[in-house]
Amino acid sequence: MIRIDCPFCGLRDHSEFTYEGDATVQYPALDAPMEDWYEAVFLRENPRGPHREFWRHVGGCGSFLEVVRDTVTHEITEVKLAHPGMAAATGKAAAKTTEKATGGSE
């Protein structure tokens, strides 16, 4: 079971969240050539180990989060609000690093 430590709601089961995509992808400009869009959308790495992902807390506060999750063990080592200015606006810590907040694959 994956547990995600939401900055607003606290530690929650992953069933309250939806995966929103790879946080490392840099999308091209809207007027970029089709080849650039093809590469950004379809040609992806399949990383082994820590990886940055976007998740949304749909069963809670609705926040978009950037999560560092190990793709092998599913251990989550960092959670932060996805929008850089959101932490400052809400007074929440910019990143929440957890040591034992998540279980691996159970």
Protein backbone atom coordinates (compact mmCIF):
# COMPACT_ATOMS: atom_id res chain seq x y z
CA MET A 1 0.00 0.00 0.00
CA ILE A 2 1.28 3.45 -0.86
CA ARG A 3 0.71 6.22 1.69
CA ILE A 4 1.09 9.86 0.61
CA ASP A 5 1.64 12.61 3.18
CA CYS A 6 -0.54 15.46 1.90
CA PRO A 7 0.69 18.87 3.16
CA PHE A 8 -2.91 19.80 4.09
CA CYS A 9 -4.59 16.53 5.09
CA GLY A 10 -1.72 14.45 6.47
CA LEU A 11 -0.85 10.83 5.74
CA ARG A 12 -3.45 9.23 3.47
CA ASP A 13 -3.92 6.02 1.47
CA HIS A 14 -3.08 6.29 -2.23
CA SER A 15 -6.70 5.41 -3.11
CA GLU A 16 -7.57 9.05 -2.27
CA PHE A 17 -5.19 10.25 -5.02
CA THR A 18 -5.00 10.05 -8.79
CA TYR A 19 -1.77 9.81 -10.74
CA GLU A 20 -1.45 12.87 -12.96
CA GLY A 21 1.73 12.07 -14.87
CA ASP A 22 5.48 12.31 -15.08
CA ALA A 23 6.78 15.50 -13.42
CA THR A 24 10.05 15.39 -15.36
CA VAL A 25 8.57 15.86 -18.84
CA GLN A 26 9.22 19.22 -20.47
CA TYR A 27 6.50 19.87 -23.03
CA PRO A 28 7.32 21.91 -26.14
CA ALA A 29 5.72 25.21 -27.10
CA LEU A 30 2.23 24.96 -28.60
CA ASP A 31 3.55 25.93 -32.03
CA ALA A 32 6.45 23.43 -31.90
CA PRO A 33 6.83 20.89 -34.71
CA MET A 34 4.78 17.70 -34.44
CA GLU A 35 7.99 15.66 -33.99
CA ASP A 36 8.73 17.53 -30.74
CA TRP A 37 5.25 16.77 -29.43
CA TYR A 38 5.56 13.13 -30.48
CA GLU A 39 8.79 12.80 -28.50
CA ALA A 40 7.33 14.53 -25.39
CA VAL A 41 4.11 12.51 -25.35
CA PHE A 42 5.09 9.05 -26.58
CA LEU A 43 8.85 8.56 -26.14
CA ARG A 44 9.32 8.25 -22.39
CA GLU A 45 11.88 6.76 -20.08
CA ASN A 46 10.78 3.97 -17.77
CA PRO A 47 12.96 4.80 -14.77
CA ARG A 48 13.99 2.32 -12.12
CA GLY A 49 14.33 3.98 -8.72
CA PRO A 50 13.36 7.46 -7.47
CA HIS A 51 11.14 9.37 -9.90
CA ARG A 52 9.20 12.67 -9.77
CA GLU A 53 5.46 12.33 -10.41
CA PHE A 54 2.35 14.50 -10.20
CA TRP A 55 -0.54 13.29 -8.03
CA ARG A 56 -3.86 14.97 -7.18
CA HIS A 57 -5.63 14.53 -3.85
CA VAL A 58 -9.10 14.01 -5.33
CA GLY A 59 -10.48 12.29 -2.22
CA GLY A 60 -9.38 15.14 0.01
CA CYS A 61 -8.32 18.75 -0.46
CA GLY A 62 -7.89 18.55 -4.25
CA SER A 63 -4.28 19.74 -4.18
CA PHE A 64 -1.86 18.90 -6.97
CA LEU A 65 1.31 17.42 -5.50
CA GLU A 66 4.77 16.61 -6.77
CA VAL A 67 5.87 13.31 -5.28
CA VAL A 68 9.22 11.49 -5.40
CA ARG A 69 8.37 7.78 -5.52
CA ASP A 70 10.73 4.85 -5.94
CA THR A 71 9.31 2.87 -8.85
CA VAL A 72 10.73 -0.38 -7.47
CA THR A 73 9.73 -0.22 -3.79
CA HIS A 74 6.97 2.44 -4.06
CA GLU A 75 8.61 4.26 -1.12
CA ILE A 76 7.78 7.97 -1.14
CA THR A 77 10.60 10.21 0.04
CA GLU A 78 9.31 13.68 -0.79
CA VAL A 79 5.93 15.39 -1.21
CA LYS A 80 5.41 19.05 -2.08
CA LEU A 81 2.75 21.24 -3.59
CA ALA A 82 3.12 21.15 -7.38
CA HIS A 83 2.74 24.89 -7.90
CA PRO A 84 5.88 26.71 -6.69
CA GLY A 85 4.01 29.75 -5.33
CA MET A 86 1.34 27.74 -3.51
CA ALA A 87 3.53 26.93 -0.47
CA ALA A 88 4.31 30.60 0.10
CA ALA A 89 0.67 31.63 -0.37
CA THR A 90 -0.64 29.06 2.10
CA GLY A 91 2.20 29.17 4.61
CA LYS A 92 2.85 25.43 4.14
CA ALA A 93 6.37 24.03 4.01
CA ALA A 94 7.76 23.90 0.49
CA ALA A 95 8.54 20.19 0.70
CA LYS A 96 7.68 17.45 3.11
CA THR A 97 10.32 14.75 3.21
CA THR A 98 9.28 11.54 4.85
CA GLU A 99 11.36 8.67 6.12
CA LYS A 100 8.80 6.01 6.98
CA ALA A 101 5.60 7.60 5.75
CA THR A 102 5.00 4.95 3.13
CA GLY A 103 5.08 1.24 3.05
CA GLY A 104 6.56 -0.60 0.13
CA SER A 105 4.51 -3.04 -1.85
CA GLU A 106 2.37 -4.82 0.71
